[in-house]
Amino acid sequence: MRFAHISDIHLGLALNGYSFLEDQRYIMDQMSDIILENDVDVVFICGDIYDKPFPPEEAVSIFDKFISRISKHGKYIYVIPGNHDSAIRLSFGSDILKGQNVYIAKAYGGNVEKYEYTDKYGDIGIFLVPFIKPVDVRPFFPDREINDDYTKMMKTVLEGADIDFKKRNIILSHQFLQGSKRADNGKVITGMYDAIKPEIYDGFDYVAMGHLHNEQYIESERIRYCGTPLKYSKFEANCKKTVTFGEIAEKGDLKLWEKELSPMRDMKVISGTFDEIKNIRTNDYVHIVLKGSDSIPDMYGLLRNNMPNIMSYACSDNYSHAESDNMIESNMLVYFEEFFVQRTGRELNEKERTILLNIIN
């Protein structure tokens, strides 16, 4: 079986006043071309298809076009919801779509959804685990002491699944794993309360992960984050964006490779004095760090003439110090916003966000 692995598309995302829908439509068309050119049998989509539980209509149309084209070419598609998705809305019509070999996991209901794909080597178990929190799992296992432990949560969930580890098995999951690295600061995830120990997935022949935006393997090639198809942060400026491909033959025989993606507009960090960067012309998304004091009238407007897609702008006599401070501020805000959504089911309103920024600053 040959497969493609993608995740964290975040259709409908807008950053700093810029809608990414045009870029996303472009990259989704490119991904469908690459997937079909590589003649896969199966496509795994591992969560955060949309950026919000209520995606804009155009975002839904982009995803509809993507899965329709892949499905019409006879490919099987397996989808799990991520923490940004509404599992109920994403899985609307999922029972009907199974007739077209499109399998979209529903909200967790006490059992792991299992499907079987058959190739010349036999059956492959495919397990779909949507993004889950302990609060989603505890009601179905009242006798287990899960508390708020994400590793215990996932262990409990998988112990209740119908898995024959003598056969080949693939799992789709959308969680943080201990030992993985975040794109925004490069730090290894160890002590985060919601990080799962990767050994929980021991026995699976391939673990198709979503949730982190930078591609990486965890402990071995068997456990893989494929990353986002586009760069959504200045901290991803140097990241490579790809589609992950794999081929599984007999049990234990797994081969993986990547195909690099080419965005309509790249994400870059440009630093230097005003004289050094004033003549740079680009339509890419750029984050500017200007060395020296801000003493030129309408400097921002002047730079925008040549760089219309400026995402952020900062002046500092000490570039490295300013970058470090901005990173800390950005990380704290992002982490709290993600935590708030997971705990309350809604996003911060403008007043709450302002209060948080004042606390951080």
Protein backbone atom coordinates (compact mmCIF):
# COMPACT_ATOMS: atom_id res chain seq x y z
CA MET A 1 0.00 0.00 0.00
CA ARG A 2 1.31 3.38 -0.99
CA PHE A 3 0.06 6.40 0.97
CA ALA A 4 0.29 10.19 1.30
CA HIS A 5 0.23 11.89 4.71
CA ILE A 6 -0.84 15.53 5.15
CA SER A 7 -2.22 17.57 8.06
CA ASP A 8 -2.77 21.01 9.61
CA ILE A 9 -4.01 22.76 6.49
CA HIS A 10 -5.91 25.39 8.52
CA LEU A 11 -8.21 26.37 5.66
CA GLY A 12 -9.70 29.81 6.25
CA LEU A 13 -6.74 31.08 8.27
CA ALA A 14 -6.16 34.83 8.41
CA LEU A 15 -3.02 36.36 9.94
CA ASN A 16 -2.25 40.03 10.55
CA GLY A 17 -5.17 41.02 8.35
CA TYR A 18 -4.18 38.76 5.45
CA SER A 19 -6.46 35.98 4.26
CA PHE A 20 -4.59 32.87 3.19
CA LEU A 21 -7.46 31.42 1.14
CA GLU A 22 -5.82 32.20 -2.21
CA ASP A 23 -2.53 30.65 -1.07
CA GLN A 24 -4.38 27.63 0.33
CA ARG A 25 -6.36 27.06 -2.85
CA TYR A 26 -3.10 27.14 -4.79
CA ILE A 27 -1.28 24.72 -2.48
CA MET A 28 -4.23 22.31 -2.26
CA ASP A 29 -4.33 22.10 -6.07
CA GLN A 30 -0.58 21.49 -6.05
CA MET A 31 -0.89 18.79 -3.39
CA SER A 32 -3.61 16.96 -5.30
CA ASP A 33 -1.39 17.03 -8.42
CA ILE A 34 1.59 15.64 -6.50
CA ILE A 35 -0.49 12.97 -4.77
CA LEU A 36 -1.96 11.75 -8.04
CA GLU A 37 1.42 11.85 -9.77
CA ASN A 38 2.83 9.58 -7.05
CA ASP A 39 0.03 7.06 -7.64
CA VAL A 40 -0.89 6.49 -4.00
CA ASP A 41 -3.62 4.13 -2.88
CA VAL A 42 -4.53 6.01 0.30
CA VAL A 43 -4.42 9.60 1.63
CA PHE A 44 -4.22 10.29 5.37
CA ILE A 45 -5.39 13.75 6.54
CA CYS A 46 -4.50 14.15 10.21
CA GLY A 47 -6.51 17.01 11.58
CA ASP A 48 -6.89 20.80 11.57
CA ILE A 49 -8.40 20.80 8.10
CA TYR A 50 -9.98 24.11 9.02
CA ASP A 51 -8.64 26.91 11.18
CA LYS A 52 -11.90 27.41 13.06
CA PRO A 53 -14.88 25.26 14.04
CA PHE A 54 -17.04 27.51 11.80
CA PRO A 55 -14.96 27.79 8.61
CA PRO A 56 -15.84 30.25 5.85
CA GLU A 57 -17.73 28.87 2.86
CA GLU A 58 -14.75 29.25 0.54
CA ALA A 59 -12.61 27.13 2.87
CA VAL A 60 -15.20 24.35 2.76
CA SER A 61 -15.28 24.57 -1.04
CA ILE A 62 -11.50 24.20 -1.25
CA PHE A 63 -11.54 21.03 0.86
CA ASP A 64 -14.54 19.67 -1.03
CA LYS A 65 -12.72 20.13 -4.34
CA PHE A 66 -9.60 18.43 -2.95
CA ILE A 67 -11.23 15.28 -1.60
CA SER A 68 -13.60 15.04 -4.59
CA ARG A 69 -10.73 15.05 -7.05
CA ILE A 70 -8.70 12.50 -5.06
CA SER A 71 -11.72 10.25 -4.55
CA LYS A 72 -12.73 10.35 -8.22
CA HIS A 73 -9.34 8.85 -9.07
CA GLY A 74 -10.17 5.82 -6.94
CA LYS A 75 -8.06 6.72 -3.90
CA TYR A 76 -9.10 5.97 -0.34
CA ILE A 77 -9.17 8.96 2.02
CA TYR A 78 -9.02 8.79 5.81
CA VAL A 79 -9.60 11.98 7.83
CA ILE A 80 -9.51 12.84 11.53
CA PRO A 81 -10.60 16.14 13.12
CA GLY A 82 -7.99 18.24 14.92
CA ASN A 83 -8.39 20.65 17.81
CA HIS A 84 -9.29 23.50 15.43
CA ASP A 85 -12.04 21.48 13.74
CA SER A 86 -15.58 20.79 14.83
CA ALA A 87 -15.68 16.99 14.75
CA ILE A 88 -19.47 17.00 14.37
CA ARG A 89 -19.49 19.45 11.46
CA LEU A 90 -16.48 17.88 9.73
CA SER A 91 -18.06 14.42 9.85
CA PHE A 92 -21.43 15.52 8.44
CA GLY A 93 -22.45 12.97 5.81
CA SER A 94 -19.58 10.67 6.76
CA ASP A 95 -21.70 7.51 6.52
CA ILE A 96 -22.68 8.40 2.95
CA LEU A 97 -19.09 9.33 2.03
CA LYS A 98 -17.90 5.84 3.00
CA GLY A 99 -19.52 4.69 -0.22
CA GLN A 100 -16.95 6.82 -2.03
CA ASN A 101 -14.09 5.45 0.11
CA VAL A 102 -13.86 8.67 2.11
CA TYR A 103 -13.71 7.90 5.83
CA ILE A 104 -14.05 10.84 8.22
CA ALA A 105 -13.76 10.10 11.94
CA LYS A 106 -16.60 11.30 14.12
CA ALA A 107 -16.25 12.83 17.58
CA TYR A 108 -14.88 10.28 20.04
CA GLY A 109 -17.69 8.12 21.40
CA GLY A 110 -15.86 5.52 23.48
CA ASN A 111 -14.48 3.43 20.64
CA VAL A 112 -11.69 3.90 18.12
CA GLU A 113 -12.94 3.78 14.54
CA LYS A 114 -11.21 0.96 12.66
CA TYR A 115 -11.12 0.24 8.95
CA GLU A 116 -9.27 -2.36 6.92
CA TYR A 117 -7.43 -1.85 3.67
CA THR A 118 -6.40 -4.96 1.76
CA ASP A 119 -3.37 -5.26 -0.51
CA LYS A 120 -1.44 -8.24 -1.85
CA TYR A 121 0.18 -8.79 1.56
CA GLY A 122 -3.12 -8.99 3.43
CA ASP A 123 -5.15 -6.63 5.62
CA ILE A 124 -3.93 -3.38 7.12
CA GLY A 125 -5.79 -2.03 10.13
CA ILE A 126 -6.34 1.72 9.93
CA PHE A 127 -7.31 3.41 13.20
CA LEU A 128 -8.76 6.91 13.34
CA VAL A 129 -8.35 8.83 16.61
CA PRO A 130 -9.65 12.42 16.51
CA PHE A 131 -8.12 15.06 18.75
CA ILE A 132 -9.16 14.14 22.27
CA LYS A 133 -8.76 15.43 25.81
CA PRO A 134 -9.12 13.48 29.07
CA VAL A 135 -12.50 15.12 29.63
CA ASP A 136 -13.69 13.51 26.38
CA VAL A 137 -12.55 10.05 27.45
CA ARG A 138 -13.23 9.78 31.19
CA PRO A 139 -17.04 9.35 30.89
CA PHE A 140 -16.55 6.15 28.88
CA PHE A 141 -14.07 4.64 31.35
CA PRO A 142 -15.36 5.55 34.85
CA ASP A 143 -13.27 2.81 36.48
CA ARG A 144 -9.96 4.08 35.08
CA GLU A 145 -7.87 6.72 36.84
CA ILE A 146 -7.20 8.92 33.84
CA ASN A 147 -7.53 12.27 35.62
CA ASP A 148 -5.87 14.87 33.35
CA ASP A 149 -3.03 12.60 32.21
CA TYR A 150 -2.91 12.56 28.40
CA THR A 151 -0.65 9.50 28.27
CA LYS A 152 -3.03 7.51 30.48
CA MET A 153 -5.89 8.79 28.35
CA MET A 154 -4.41 7.52 25.09
CA LYS A 155 -3.30 4.24 26.66
CA THR A 156 -6.86 3.64 27.85
CA VAL A 157 -8.31 4.51 24.44
CA LEU A 158 -5.96 2.18 22.56
CA GLU A 159 -6.34 -0.69 25.02
CA GLY A 160 -10.03 -0.70 24.17
CA ALA A 161 -9.39 -0.81 20.42
CA ASP A 162 -9.53 -3.96 18.30
CA ILE A 163 -5.84 -4.16 17.36
CA ASP A 164 -4.05 -7.30 16.16
CA PHE A 165 -0.36 -6.36 16.32
CA LYS A 166 0.60 -9.52 14.44
CA LYS A 167 -0.82 -7.76 11.40
CA ARG A 168 0.10 -4.40 9.92
CA ASN A 169 -1.54 -1.38 11.56
CA ILE A 170 -1.57 2.37 10.94
CA ILE A 171 -2.98 4.99 13.30
CA LEU A 172 -3.96 8.60 12.62
CA SER A 173 -3.64 10.84 15.68
CA HIS A 174 -3.64 14.58 16.40
CA GLN A 175 -1.79 15.24 19.66
CA PHE A 176 1.47 16.54 21.12
CA LEU A 177 4.15 13.88 21.61
CA GLN A 178 6.97 14.12 24.13
CA GLY A 179 10.31 14.49 22.37
CA SER A 180 8.89 16.47 19.45
CA LYS A 181 10.01 19.99 18.58
CA ARG A 182 7.88 23.08 18.16
CA ALA A 183 8.48 25.23 15.10
CA ASP A 184 8.07 28.46 17.04
CA ASN A 185 11.05 28.02 19.37
CA GLY A 186 12.77 24.77 18.40
CA LYS A 187 12.46 23.45 21.95
CA VAL A 188 11.81 19.79 22.62
CA ILE A 189 8.42 19.10 24.18
CA THR A 190 8.96 17.31 27.48
CA GLY A 191 7.01 18.68 30.43
CA MET A 192 3.86 19.93 28.71
CA TYR A 193 0.79 18.65 30.53
CA ASP A 194 -0.85 17.47 27.29
CA ALA A 195 2.19 15.73 25.76
CA ILE A 196 1.86 11.97 25.24
CA LYS A 197 4.71 9.50 25.58
CA PRO A 198 5.42 8.13 22.08
CA GLU A 199 5.80 4.55 23.36
CA ILE A 200 2.00 4.53 23.68
CA TYR A 201 2.02 3.91 19.92
CA ASP A 202 4.39 0.92 20.12
CA GLY A 203 3.32 -1.86 17.80
CA PHE A 204 1.91 0.35 15.06
CA ASP A 205 3.70 0.09 11.74
CA TYR A 206 3.13 3.77 10.98
CA VAL A 207 1.88 6.61 13.19
CA ALA A 208 0.52 9.48 11.08
CA MET A 209 0.58 12.50 13.38
CA GLY A 210 -0.95 15.95 13.12
CA HIS A 211 -0.82 19.01 15.43
CA LEU A 212 2.75 20.30 15.07
CA HIS A 213 3.51 22.58 12.14
CA ASN A 214 7.08 21.48 11.43
CA GLU A 215 7.81 18.10 9.85
CA GLN A 216 9.74 15.67 12.01
CA TYR A 217 10.16 12.07 13.08
CA ILE A 218 9.79 11.08 16.75
CA GLU A 219 12.27 8.43 17.88
CA SER A 220 12.09 6.64 14.50
CA GLU A 221 10.70 7.10 11.00
CA ARG A 222 7.70 5.08 12.11
CA ILE A 223 6.25 8.08 13.99
CA ARG A 224 5.88 11.12 11.76
CA TYR A 225 4.58 14.69 11.89
CA CYS A 226 4.21 15.80 8.27
CA GLY A 227 3.82 19.50 9.13
CA THR A 228 1.72 22.18 7.48
CA PRO A 229 1.64 22.60 3.69
CA LEU A 230 2.25 26.34 4.11
CA LYS A 231 4.31 28.49 6.47
CA TYR A 232 2.05 30.22 8.97
CA SER A 233 4.65 31.83 11.24
CA LYS A 234 7.94 33.69 11.02
CA PHE A 235 9.41 30.86 13.05
CA GLU A 236 8.71 28.54 10.10
CA ALA A 237 10.63 30.73 7.64
CA ASN A 238 13.41 28.17 7.34
CA CYS A 239 11.16 25.10 7.49
CA LYS A 240 10.71 22.85 4.48
CA LYS A 241 7.10 22.17 3.51
CA THR A 242 6.38 18.81 1.92
CA VAL A 243 3.93 16.01 1.34
CA THR A 244 5.03 12.84 3.14
CA PHE A 245 4.73 9.64 1.14
CA GLY A 246 5.11 6.07 2.32
CA GLU A 247 4.89 2.51 1.15
CA ILE A 248 4.22 -0.41 3.43
CA ALA A 249 4.80 -3.93 2.13
CA GLU A 250 5.16 -6.88 4.48
CA LYS A 251 5.10 -6.15 8.21
CA GLY A 252 8.22 -4.22 9.17
CA ASP A 253 8.90 -3.11 5.60
CA LEU A 254 8.19 0.64 5.58
CA LYS A 255 9.67 3.16 3.15
CA LEU A 256 9.11 6.92 3.41
CA TRP A 257 9.96 9.86 1.21
CA GLU A 258 8.94 13.51 0.71
CA LYS A 259 7.98 15.81 -2.14
CA GLU A 260 8.64 19.48 -1.53
CA LEU A 261 5.87 22.03 -2.05
CA SER A 262 6.22 25.42 -3.75
CA PRO A 263 3.92 28.12 -2.31
CA MET A 264 2.40 31.00 -4.20
CA ARG A 265 4.01 33.29 -1.62
CA ASP A 266 6.78 32.31 0.79
CA MET A 267 7.15 33.43 4.42
CA LYS A 268 10.42 35.26 5.14
CA VAL A 269 12.20 37.23 7.85
CA ILE A 270 14.10 40.23 6.46
CA SER A 271 16.49 42.10 8.72
CA GLY A 272 18.89 44.98 8.18
CA THR A 273 19.15 48.74 8.22
CA PHE A 274 16.67 50.81 6.22
CA ASP A 275 19.26 51.45 3.51
CA GLU A 276 20.00 47.72 3.27
CA ILE A 277 16.42 46.62 2.76
CA LYS A 278 14.62 49.64 1.24
CA ASN A 279 15.10 48.42 -2.36
CA ILE A 280 14.12 44.79 -1.77
CA ARG A 281 11.07 43.92 -3.85
CA THR A 282 8.97 40.87 -3.01
CA ASN A 283 5.34 39.74 -2.88
CA ASP A 284 6.18 37.14 -0.23
CA TYR A 285 4.90 37.47 3.32
CA VAL A 286 7.66 39.14 5.28
CA HIS A 287 8.48 39.87 8.90
CA ILE A 288 10.81 42.87 9.12
CA VAL A 289 13.31 43.55 11.86
CA LEU A 290 14.88 46.94 11.20
CA LYS A 291 18.27 47.53 12.76
CA GLY A 292 18.73 50.97 14.21
CA SER A 293 16.30 53.53 15.62
CA ASP A 294 13.02 54.41 13.95
CA SER A 295 13.85 57.97 12.87
CA ILE A 296 12.62 58.04 9.24
CA PRO A 297 9.08 59.44 8.74
CA ASP A 298 6.59 56.88 7.39
CA MET A 299 9.29 54.20 7.21
CA TYR A 300 6.65 51.47 7.29
CA GLY A 301 4.76 53.01 4.36
CA LEU A 302 7.95 53.38 2.35
CA LEU A 303 8.84 49.72 2.82
CA ARG A 304 5.30 48.66 1.90
CA ASN A 305 5.73 50.12 -1.59
CA ASN A 306 8.17 47.32 -2.41
CA MET A 307 6.93 44.71 0.07
CA PRO A 308 3.11 44.85 0.11
CA ASN A 309 2.70 41.77 2.32
CA ILE A 310 4.46 42.86 5.50
CA MET A 311 3.22 40.65 8.33
CA SER A 312 5.07 42.33 11.19
CA TYR A 313 7.54 45.13 11.72
CA ALA A 314 9.93 45.92 14.56
CA CYS A 315 12.79 48.34 15.13
CA SER A 316 15.68 47.59 17.43
CA ASP A 317 19.30 48.54 17.92
CA ASN A 318 19.85 44.95 18.99
CA TYR A 319 18.22 42.60 16.48
CA SER A 320 18.93 39.35 18.31
CA HIS A 321 17.61 40.73 21.59
CA ALA A 322 14.46 42.06 19.96
CA GLU A 323 13.83 38.78 18.16
CA SER A 324 14.15 36.86 21.39
CA ASP A 325 11.73 39.16 23.22
CA ASN A 326 9.20 39.02 20.38
CA MET A 327 9.44 35.24 20.34
CA ILE A 328 8.69 34.95 24.05
CA GLU A 329 5.71 37.30 23.77
CA SER A 330 4.35 35.49 20.70
CA ASN A 331 4.79 32.04 22.24
CA MET A 332 3.00 32.95 25.47
CA LEU A 333 0.06 34.40 23.59
CA VAL A 334 -0.23 31.44 21.20
CA TYR A 335 0.07 28.85 23.97
CA PHE A 336 -2.58 30.54 26.12
CA GLU A 337 -4.96 30.98 23.19
CA GLU A 338 -4.67 27.26 22.33
CA PHE A 339 -5.15 26.32 25.99
CA PHE A 340 -8.18 28.63 26.30
CA VAL A 341 -9.88 27.15 23.20
CA GLN A 342 -9.26 23.59 24.40
CA ARG A 343 -10.68 24.32 27.85
CA THR A 344 -13.63 26.57 26.99
CA GLY A 345 -14.51 25.64 23.42
CA ARG A 346 -14.32 29.27 22.26
CA GLU A 347 -11.68 31.80 21.32
CA LEU A 348 -10.60 34.82 23.33
CA ASN A 349 -12.63 37.92 22.62
CA GLU A 350 -10.90 41.22 21.91
CA LYS A 351 -11.20 42.49 25.48
CA GLU A 352 -9.74 39.27 26.93
CA ARG A 353 -6.92 39.29 24.38
CA THR A 354 -6.03 42.89 25.26
CA ILE A 355 -5.92 42.05 28.98
CA LEU A 356 -3.65 39.08 28.26
CA LEU A 357 -1.28 41.15 26.12
CA ASN A 358 -1.04 43.76 28.88
CA ILE A 359 -0.14 41.03 31.38
CA ILE A 360 2.52 39.59 29.05
CA ASN A 361 4.00 43.00 28.39
